[in-house]
Amino acid sequence: MKCWVSAGRAEKKQFEAISIITLRCPYLMDFLFHPLRPELKNSADELLKEARGFSSTDYLLVKLCLDLWCDQGKFKVHELFKLEPDIFKQALQAMEYLAS
């Protein structure tokens, strides 16, 4: 959570879930989140626009992470099946973690 002093319990849990999803792509955490505050670096729309130049997997992960953080990633359930098997499993683990 970097240096987030003001993060609440829900934000910490969401951040942890997103950390699970991006385990193999930790650079996405720096792309998405502000280093000092529990918030996105930019608006979800701006992040989506910037991520269009990423690999297809990274772009899907950005969409999924944005949906988990603020419900603005426009991720569709069928896109889960486009993920590599290990990343698919991590996404399911993250959702299970959020549900607990």
Protein backbone atom coordinates (compact mmCIF):
# COMPACT_ATOMS: atom_id res chain seq x y z
CA MET A 1 0.00 0.00 0.00
CA LYS A 2 2.98 2.14 -0.43
CA CYS A 3 2.76 4.96 2.15
CA TRP A 4 -1.00 5.12 2.54
CA VAL A 5 -1.64 6.42 6.03
CA SER A 6 -5.26 7.34 5.44
CA ALA A 7 -6.40 4.09 3.84
CA GLY A 8 -9.52 2.55 5.33
CA ARG A 9 -10.18 -1.14 5.88
CA ALA A 10 -12.18 -1.51 2.64
CA GLU A 11 -9.51 0.25 0.59
CA LYS A 12 -6.82 -1.98 2.05
CA LYS A 13 -8.83 -5.08 1.18
CA GLN A 14 -9.46 -3.87 -2.37
CA PHE A 15 -5.78 -3.02 -2.76
CA GLU A 16 -4.78 -6.48 -1.53
CA ALA A 17 -7.17 -8.12 -4.00
CA ILE A 18 -5.72 -6.07 -6.84
CA SER A 19 -2.22 -7.02 -5.65
CA ILE A 20 -3.19 -10.68 -6.03
CA ILE A 21 -4.39 -10.09 -9.58
CA THR A 22 -1.27 -8.18 -10.59
CA LEU A 23 1.18 -10.53 -8.88
CA ARG A 24 2.93 -11.28 -12.17
CA CYS A 25 2.68 -7.65 -13.37
CA PRO A 26 3.60 -5.53 -10.30
CA TYR A 27 4.31 -2.50 -12.50
CA LEU A 28 0.54 -2.19 -12.99
CA MET A 29 0.18 -1.23 -9.32
CA ASP A 30 2.45 1.77 -9.91
CA PHE A 31 0.55 2.56 -13.09
CA LEU A 32 -2.82 2.54 -11.30
CA PHE A 33 -2.26 3.97 -7.83
CA HIS A 34 -1.02 7.17 -6.28
CA PRO A 35 2.03 6.42 -4.11
CA LEU A 36 0.92 8.50 -1.10
CA ARG A 37 -2.88 8.43 -1.08
CA PRO A 38 -5.40 5.58 -1.37
CA GLU A 39 -6.59 6.66 -4.80
CA LEU A 40 -5.95 6.16 -8.48
CA LYS A 41 -3.17 8.18 -10.14
CA ASN A 42 -5.64 9.49 -12.74
CA SER A 43 -9.32 9.10 -13.55
CA ALA A 44 -10.41 5.63 -14.61
CA ASP A 45 -11.09 6.93 -18.13
CA GLU A 46 -7.58 8.38 -18.39
CA LEU A 47 -6.01 5.16 -17.13
CA LEU A 48 -8.03 3.10 -19.61
CA LYS A 49 -6.98 5.41 -22.42
CA GLU A 50 -3.30 5.15 -21.42
CA ALA A 51 -3.53 1.37 -21.05
CA ARG A 52 -4.72 0.87 -24.63
CA GLY A 53 -1.06 0.73 -25.65
CA PHE A 54 -0.35 -2.14 -23.24
CA SER A 55 -0.36 -5.83 -24.12
CA SER A 56 -3.84 -7.33 -24.33
CA THR A 57 -3.35 -9.13 -21.00
CA ASP A 58 -2.19 -6.00 -19.20
CA TYR A 59 -5.08 -4.02 -20.65
CA LEU A 60 -7.58 -6.60 -19.42
CA LEU A 61 -5.96 -6.56 -15.99
CA VAL A 62 -6.20 -2.78 -15.83
CA LYS A 63 -9.90 -3.01 -16.70
CA LEU A 64 -10.50 -5.69 -14.05
CA CYS A 65 -8.53 -3.80 -11.38
CA LEU A 66 -10.44 -0.61 -12.11
CA ASP A 67 -13.73 -2.47 -11.75
CA LEU A 68 -12.64 -3.87 -8.40
CA TRP A 69 -11.45 -0.47 -7.20
CA CYS A 70 -14.16 1.87 -8.49
CA ASP A 71 -16.51 -0.06 -10.81
CA GLN A 72 -15.33 1.91 -13.86
CA GLY A 73 -13.14 -0.56 -15.76
CA LYS A 74 -15.85 -1.86 -18.09
CA PHE A 75 -14.51 -5.42 -17.70
CA LYS A 76 -16.83 -8.09 -19.08
CA VAL A 77 -17.05 -11.54 -17.50
CA HIS A 78 -16.23 -13.32 -20.76
CA GLU A 79 -12.89 -11.48 -20.80
CA LEU A 80 -11.77 -13.66 -17.88
CA PHE A 81 -11.41 -16.51 -20.36
CA LYS A 82 -8.93 -14.48 -22.42
CA LEU A 83 -6.50 -14.43 -19.50
CA GLU A 84 -3.63 -16.87 -19.19
CA PRO A 85 -4.54 -19.78 -16.87
CA ASP A 86 -2.34 -18.64 -13.97
CA ILE A 87 -3.62 -15.05 -14.16
CA PHE A 88 -7.19 -16.36 -14.44
CA LYS A 89 -6.64 -18.30 -11.19
CA GLN A 90 -5.22 -15.21 -9.50
CA ALA A 91 -8.27 -13.20 -10.58
CA LEU A 92 -10.56 -15.83 -9.07
CA GLN A 93 -8.49 -15.88 -5.87
CA ALA A 94 -8.78 -12.11 -5.62
CA MET A 95 -12.55 -12.22 -6.02
CA GLU A 96 -12.77 -14.99 -3.42
CA TYR A 97 -10.66 -12.88 -1.07
CA LEU A 98 -13.00 -9.90 -1.56
CA ALA A 99 -16.02 -12.10 -0.87
CA SER A 100 -14.62 -13.34 2.46
